[in-house]
Amino acid sequence: MKRAPTVADLRDKGFPFECLNCGNKPTPTQVLEHGGDCECCGDTIIAYTIDTAEYIAKIIYQHG
C-alpha cells in the first residue's frame, strides 16, 4: 500500500459485494440476478475490490 492501513481497511468488505443498508453479502451471481440491487431490501449493492473495478473497466472498454 502507498499509505499506512487504517481500521477501515481491515474491516471485512464482503464477498466482494455488500449492501450498506441491510448488510447482506450476496454472491456475484446474486448481484447479477437482481440487477445490482439487494435481494433482501432492494438497495444498491456496493463493490469494494480492485478486481471488480478492473472487470467493469474491461467490460466497458470491450463493449463501449
N, C-alpha and C. Protein backbone atom coordinates (compact mmCIF):
# COMPACT_ATOMS: atom_id res chain seq x y z
N MET A 1 0.83 -1.18 0.00
CA MET A 1 0.00 0.00 0.00
C MET A 1 0.88 1.25 0.00
N LYS A 2 0.33 2.30 -0.54
CA LYS A 2 1.08 3.55 -0.58
C LYS A 2 0.87 4.37 0.68
N ARG A 3 0.05 3.88 1.59
CA ARG A 3 -0.20 4.59 2.84
C ARG A 3 -0.36 3.55 3.94
N ALA A 4 -0.31 4.02 5.17
CA ALA A 4 -0.48 3.10 6.30
C ALA A 4 -1.93 2.61 6.35
N PRO A 5 -2.15 1.33 6.67
CA PRO A 5 -3.52 0.82 6.76
C PRO A 5 -4.27 1.46 7.93
N THR A 6 -5.57 1.61 7.74
CA THR A 6 -6.44 2.15 8.79
C THR A 6 -7.38 1.06 9.27
N VAL A 7 -8.14 1.33 10.30
CA VAL A 7 -9.12 0.37 10.81
C VAL A 7 -10.13 0.04 9.72
N ALA A 8 -10.53 1.03 8.94
CA ALA A 8 -11.49 0.80 7.86
C ALA A 8 -10.94 -0.17 6.81
N ASP A 9 -9.64 -0.13 6.56
CA ASP A 9 -9.01 -1.04 5.61
C ASP A 9 -9.08 -2.49 6.09
N LEU A 10 -9.06 -2.68 7.38
CA LEU A 10 -9.05 -4.02 7.96
C LEU A 10 -10.44 -4.61 8.13
N ARG A 11 -11.48 -3.78 8.01
CA ARG A 11 -12.85 -4.25 8.17
C ARG A 11 -13.22 -5.18 7.02
N ASP A 12 -14.00 -6.22 7.30
CA ASP A 12 -14.47 -7.14 6.28
C ASP A 12 -15.28 -6.38 5.25
N LYS A 13 -14.94 -6.53 3.98
CA LYS A 13 -15.60 -5.79 2.92
C LYS A 13 -16.64 -6.59 2.16
N GLY A 14 -16.91 -7.80 2.52
CA GLY A 14 -17.92 -8.55 1.80
C GLY A 14 -17.32 -9.56 0.85
N PHE A 15 -18.05 -9.93 -0.16
CA PHE A 15 -17.69 -11.10 -0.97
C PHE A 15 -17.34 -10.88 -2.45
N PRO A 16 -17.09 -9.84 -3.04
CA PRO A 16 -16.70 -8.50 -2.61
C PRO A 16 -17.87 -7.53 -2.54
N PHE A 17 -19.08 -8.05 -2.54
CA PHE A 17 -20.26 -7.19 -2.56
C PHE A 17 -20.91 -7.14 -1.19
N GLU A 18 -21.48 -5.99 -0.87
CA GLU A 18 -22.15 -5.83 0.42
C GLU A 18 -23.19 -4.73 0.30
N CYS A 19 -24.35 -4.97 0.87
CA CYS A 19 -25.39 -3.95 0.94
C CYS A 19 -25.13 -3.10 2.17
N LEU A 20 -24.94 -1.81 1.97
CA LEU A 20 -24.68 -0.93 3.10
C LEU A 20 -25.95 -0.63 3.88
N ASN A 21 -27.10 -0.97 3.34
CA ASN A 21 -28.36 -0.74 4.02
C ASN A 21 -28.67 -1.84 5.03
N CYS A 22 -28.62 -3.11 4.58
CA CYS A 22 -29.02 -4.20 5.47
C CYS A 22 -27.87 -5.16 5.83
N GLY A 23 -26.72 -5.02 5.17
CA GLY A 23 -25.58 -5.88 5.48
C GLY A 23 -25.51 -7.18 4.71
N ASN A 24 -26.47 -7.44 3.83
CA ASN A 24 -26.46 -8.64 3.02
C ASN A 24 -25.19 -8.69 2.18
N LYS A 25 -24.58 -9.86 2.06
CA LYS A 25 -23.35 -10.04 1.28
C LYS A 25 -23.60 -11.08 0.19
N PRO A 26 -24.19 -10.65 -0.92
CA PRO A 26 -24.55 -11.60 -1.98
C PRO A 26 -23.34 -12.06 -2.79
N THR A 27 -23.53 -13.18 -3.46
CA THR A 27 -22.52 -13.67 -4.39
C THR A 27 -22.60 -12.83 -5.66
N PRO A 28 -21.57 -12.87 -6.51
CA PRO A 28 -21.65 -12.15 -7.78
C PRO A 28 -22.86 -12.57 -8.62
N THR A 29 -23.20 -13.85 -8.60
CA THR A 29 -24.36 -14.33 -9.35
C THR A 29 -25.65 -13.70 -8.84
N GLN A 30 -25.80 -13.60 -7.52
CA GLN A 30 -26.99 -12.97 -6.95
C GLN A 30 -27.07 -11.50 -7.32
N VAL A 31 -25.93 -10.82 -7.35
CA VAL A 31 -25.91 -9.40 -7.74
C VAL A 31 -26.42 -9.26 -9.17
N LEU A 32 -25.93 -10.12 -10.07
CA LEU A 32 -26.36 -10.07 -11.46
C LEU A 32 -27.83 -10.44 -11.62
N GLU A 33 -28.29 -11.45 -10.88
CA GLU A 33 -29.69 -11.87 -10.97
C GLU A 33 -30.65 -10.77 -10.55
N HIS A 34 -30.23 -9.90 -9.66
CA HIS A 34 -31.10 -8.84 -9.14
C HIS A 34 -30.74 -7.47 -9.69
N GLY A 35 -29.97 -7.43 -10.79
CA GLY A 35 -29.66 -6.18 -11.46
C GLY A 35 -28.88 -5.19 -10.62
N GLY A 36 -28.05 -5.69 -9.70
CA GLY A 36 -27.23 -4.81 -8.88
C GLY A 36 -27.92 -4.33 -7.61
N ASP A 37 -29.14 -4.80 -7.39
CA ASP A 37 -29.86 -4.42 -6.18
C ASP A 37 -29.86 -5.57 -5.18
N CYS A 38 -29.97 -5.24 -3.90
CA CYS A 38 -30.01 -6.24 -2.84
C CYS A 38 -31.31 -7.02 -2.92
N GLU A 39 -31.20 -8.35 -2.87
CA GLU A 39 -32.40 -9.18 -2.92
C GLU A 39 -33.23 -9.07 -1.65
N CYS A 40 -32.62 -8.63 -0.54
CA CYS A 40 -33.32 -8.52 0.73
C CYS A 40 -34.08 -7.21 0.89
N CYS A 41 -33.40 -6.08 0.60
CA CYS A 41 -34.03 -4.78 0.86
C CYS A 41 -34.19 -3.91 -0.38
N GLY A 42 -33.58 -4.30 -1.51
CA GLY A 42 -33.72 -3.55 -2.75
C GLY A 42 -32.75 -2.40 -2.93
N ASP A 43 -31.90 -2.14 -1.94
CA ASP A 43 -30.92 -1.06 -2.05
C ASP A 43 -29.81 -1.48 -3.02
N THR A 44 -29.02 -0.53 -3.49
CA THR A 44 -27.94 -0.81 -4.43
C THR A 44 -26.78 -1.49 -3.71
N ILE A 45 -26.23 -2.52 -4.35
CA ILE A 45 -25.09 -3.25 -3.80
C ILE A 45 -23.81 -2.50 -4.13
N ILE A 46 -22.90 -2.42 -3.16
CA ILE A 46 -21.62 -1.76 -3.32
C ILE A 46 -20.52 -2.80 -3.46
N ALA A 47 -19.60 -2.59 -4.41
CA ALA A 47 -18.44 -3.47 -4.59
C ALA A 47 -17.20 -2.74 -4.10
N TYR A 48 -16.28 -3.47 -3.48
CA TYR A 48 -15.13 -2.86 -2.85
C TYR A 48 -13.78 -3.17 -3.46
N THR A 49 -13.66 -4.20 -4.26
CA THR A 49 -12.32 -4.65 -4.63
C THR A 49 -11.81 -4.07 -5.94
N ILE A 50 -10.51 -4.02 -6.06
CA ILE A 50 -9.87 -3.57 -7.30
C ILE A 50 -10.18 -4.52 -8.43
N ASP A 51 -10.33 -5.81 -8.13
CA ASP A 51 -10.68 -6.79 -9.15
C ASP A 51 -12.01 -6.45 -9.81
N THR A 52 -12.97 -6.02 -9.00
CA THR A 52 -14.28 -5.65 -9.53
C THR A 52 -14.15 -4.44 -10.43
N ALA A 53 -13.40 -3.44 -10.01
CA ALA A 53 -13.20 -2.24 -10.82
C ALA A 53 -12.52 -2.58 -12.15
N GLU A 54 -11.51 -3.45 -12.10
CA GLU A 54 -10.81 -3.84 -13.32
C GLU A 54 -11.75 -4.59 -14.27
N TYR A 55 -12.59 -5.44 -13.73
CA TYR A 55 -13.53 -6.20 -14.55
C TYR A 55 -14.53 -5.26 -15.22
N ILE A 56 -15.07 -4.31 -14.46
CA ILE A 56 -16.03 -3.36 -15.03
C ILE A 56 -15.36 -2.52 -16.12
N ALA A 57 -14.14 -2.05 -15.89
CA ALA A 57 -13.43 -1.26 -16.89
C ALA A 57 -13.18 -2.08 -18.15
N LYS A 58 -12.86 -3.36 -17.98
CA LYS A 58 -12.62 -4.24 -19.11
C LYS A 58 -13.89 -4.41 -19.95
N ILE A 59 -15.01 -4.62 -19.29
CA ILE A 59 -16.28 -4.77 -19.99
C ILE A 59 -16.65 -3.50 -20.75
N ILE A 60 -16.50 -2.35 -20.10
CA ILE A 60 -16.82 -1.07 -20.73
C ILE A 60 -15.94 -0.86 -21.97
N TYR A 61 -14.65 -1.16 -21.84
CA TYR A 61 -13.72 -0.98 -22.95
C TYR A 61 -14.08 -1.90 -24.12
N GLN A 62 -14.47 -3.14 -23.83
CA GLN A 62 -14.79 -4.10 -24.87
C GLN A 62 -16.12 -3.78 -25.56
N HIS A 63 -17.08 -3.25 -24.81
CA HIS A 63 -18.42 -3.03 -25.35
C HIS A 63 -18.76 -1.56 -25.58
N GLY A 64 -17.85 -0.68 -25.32
CA GLY A 64 -18.20 0.73 -25.41
C GLY A 64 -17.32 1.44 -26.32
